Amino acid sequence: MVRQKTIRCHKFEDINPFVAATPGSEERLVAALDLKTRLKKILEGEDPYDIFIRWKPLHEQPIGWDPDLNDGIRLNIRPFVEAGVLRSTPKIHWRTDRGKDPVPNASGTVERHNDRHFKIDEKKQARERAKGEEK
């Protein structure tokens, strides 16, 4: 006779006893909850799961996962690469690109830094300042 047990978790009240009795189900549940937390961080845009577009000013930087198709796939999939949720990891470098920008970019320099992360509060404050300057 298979011993049935109920798993108690902070997110779920009760798990089906049949699922709890299945071998390896606890590990899969833990992995699923871990994946859920990483995906939530991507949606919120927490560091390092945010999108940084160096040619956009700080007030135009996306908050959370709000991709712009014109920014390119390399930048838009970066949060998923950082979180390790893709089946295979693409070989993309996030270091500094060659050359210099003609005007200072979002990092405040003409260097083409791709590995920058701004806090959500910094982005929100920059948006508020930009709205105040428009009026």
Protein backbone atom coordinates (compact mmCIF):
# COMPACT_ATOMS: atom_id res chain seq x y z
CA MET A 1 0.00 0.00 0.00
CA VAL A 2 1.34 3.44 -0.97
CA ARG A 3 1.56 5.92 1.84
CA GLN A 4 -0.20 9.13 0.86
CA LYS A 5 0.76 12.45 2.31
CA THR A 6 -0.23 16.04 1.78
CA ILE A 7 2.44 18.66 1.16
CA ARG A 8 1.93 21.98 2.89
CA CYS A 9 3.44 24.98 1.15
CA HIS A 10 3.13 28.73 1.66
CA LYS A 11 1.57 29.15 -1.80
CA PHE A 12 -0.73 26.12 -1.96
CA GLU A 13 -3.23 24.92 0.62
CA ASP A 14 -3.42 21.25 -0.35
CA ILE A 15 -1.79 19.15 -3.04
CA ASN A 16 -3.60 16.19 -4.54
CA PRO A 17 -2.57 13.11 -2.48
CA PHE A 18 -1.98 11.12 -5.68
CA VAL A 19 0.51 13.73 -6.90
CA ALA A 20 2.19 13.81 -3.49
CA ALA A 21 2.65 10.03 -3.62
CA THR A 22 4.28 10.14 -7.07
CA PRO A 23 8.06 9.66 -6.86
CA GLY A 24 9.98 12.87 -7.54
CA SER A 25 6.92 15.10 -7.30
CA GLU A 26 8.31 17.10 -4.39
CA GLU A 27 11.45 17.97 -6.36
CA ARG A 28 9.36 19.01 -9.37
CA LEU A 29 7.16 21.18 -7.13
CA VAL A 30 10.21 22.91 -5.64
CA ALA A 31 11.65 23.47 -9.14
CA ALA A 32 8.32 24.86 -10.37
CA LEU A 33 8.09 27.28 -7.44
CA ASP A 34 11.68 28.40 -8.05
CA LEU A 35 10.92 29.00 -11.73
CA LYS A 36 7.82 30.97 -10.76
CA THR A 37 9.84 33.29 -8.50
CA ARG A 38 12.47 33.88 -11.21
CA LEU A 39 9.76 34.69 -13.79
CA LYS A 40 8.13 37.13 -11.34
CA LYS A 41 11.49 38.89 -10.92
CA ILE A 42 11.74 39.22 -14.70
CA LEU A 43 8.25 40.76 -14.89
CA GLU A 44 9.10 43.21 -12.11
CA GLY A 45 12.49 44.07 -13.60
CA GLU A 46 14.65 43.44 -10.58
CA ASP A 47 18.43 43.66 -11.00
CA PRO A 48 19.91 41.70 -12.95
CA TYR A 49 16.65 40.65 -14.63
CA ASP A 50 15.95 44.05 -16.19
CA ILE A 51 16.36 45.26 -19.76
CA PHE A 52 19.04 47.91 -20.37
CA ILE A 53 19.05 49.76 -23.68
CA ARG A 54 22.16 51.92 -23.76
CA TRP A 55 20.99 54.26 -26.54
CA LYS A 56 17.78 55.22 -24.74
CA PRO A 57 17.84 57.91 -22.06
CA LEU A 58 17.15 56.85 -18.50
CA HIS A 59 13.55 58.07 -18.52
CA GLU A 60 12.80 55.85 -21.55
CA GLN A 61 14.34 52.68 -20.07
CA PRO A 62 11.72 49.92 -19.67
CA ILE A 63 10.52 49.12 -16.16
CA GLY A 64 10.00 45.41 -15.79
CA TRP A 65 9.86 43.18 -18.82
CA ASP A 66 8.47 45.60 -21.37
CA PRO A 67 10.34 44.73 -24.57
CA ASP A 68 10.53 46.99 -27.61
CA LEU A 69 10.89 44.92 -30.77
CA ASN A 70 13.10 47.60 -32.31
CA ASP A 71 15.74 47.09 -29.60
CA GLY A 72 16.70 43.64 -30.86
CA ILE A 73 16.51 40.10 -29.61
CA ARG A 74 19.85 40.20 -27.79
CA LEU A 75 18.62 42.82 -25.35
CA ASN A 76 15.08 41.54 -24.96
CA ILE A 77 16.02 37.96 -24.02
CA ARG A 78 18.75 38.94 -21.59
CA PRO A 79 16.53 38.66 -18.46
CA PHE A 80 15.68 35.07 -19.43
CA VAL A 81 19.35 34.27 -20.00
CA GLU A 82 20.29 35.77 -16.62
CA ALA A 83 17.53 33.79 -14.89
CA GLY A 84 18.62 30.56 -16.58
CA VAL A 85 15.16 29.63 -17.82
CA LEU A 86 16.03 29.00 -21.47
CA ARG A 87 16.63 25.44 -22.62
CA SER A 88 19.93 26.38 -24.27
CA THR A 89 22.00 29.44 -23.47
CA PRO A 90 22.96 31.58 -26.46
CA LYS A 91 26.58 32.67 -26.75
CA ILE A 92 26.16 36.41 -26.33
CA HIS A 93 28.64 38.69 -24.63
CA TRP A 94 27.33 41.53 -22.47
CA ARG A 95 30.61 43.39 -22.22
CA THR A 96 31.43 46.66 -23.93
CA ASP A 97 30.87 46.83 -27.69
CA ARG A 98 33.55 48.23 -29.99
CA GLY A 99 33.49 51.88 -30.92
CA LYS A 100 32.07 54.93 -29.21
CA ASP A 101 28.64 56.53 -29.28
CA PRO A 102 28.45 60.03 -30.81
CA VAL A 103 26.65 61.42 -27.76
CA PRO A 104 26.58 60.27 -24.12
CA ASN A 105 24.24 57.32 -23.69
CA ALA A 106 22.14 56.15 -20.72
CA SER A 107 25.26 55.24 -18.74
CA GLY A 108 26.43 58.86 -19.03
CA THR A 109 29.49 58.04 -21.15
CA VAL A 110 30.24 57.52 -24.83
CA GLU A 111 31.48 54.00 -24.10
CA ARG A 112 29.17 51.23 -25.31
CA HIS A 113 28.58 49.49 -21.98
CA ASN A 114 25.91 46.78 -22.14
CA ASP A 115 26.22 45.44 -18.61
CA ARG A 116 24.47 48.19 -16.67
CA HIS A 117 21.49 47.89 -14.38
CA PHE A 118 19.53 50.80 -12.99
CA LYS A 119 17.26 50.44 -9.99
CA ILE A 120 13.51 50.68 -10.57
CA ASP A 121 13.37 53.76 -8.32
CA GLU A 122 16.00 55.52 -10.45
CA LYS A 123 13.98 54.86 -13.60
CA LYS A 124 10.76 56.11 -11.99
CA GLN A 125 12.44 59.27 -10.70
CA ALA A 126 13.88 59.96 -14.16
CA ARG A 127 10.40 59.57 -15.68
CA GLU A 128 8.94 62.00 -13.14
CA ARG A 129 11.70 64.53 -13.88
CA ALA A 130 11.07 64.17 -17.62
CA LYS A 131 7.33 64.75 -17.12
CA GLY A 132 8.10 67.84 -15.01
CA GLU A 133 10.38 69.25 -17.71
CA GLU A 134 7.73 68.74 -20.42
CA LYS A 135 5.19 70.94 -18.58
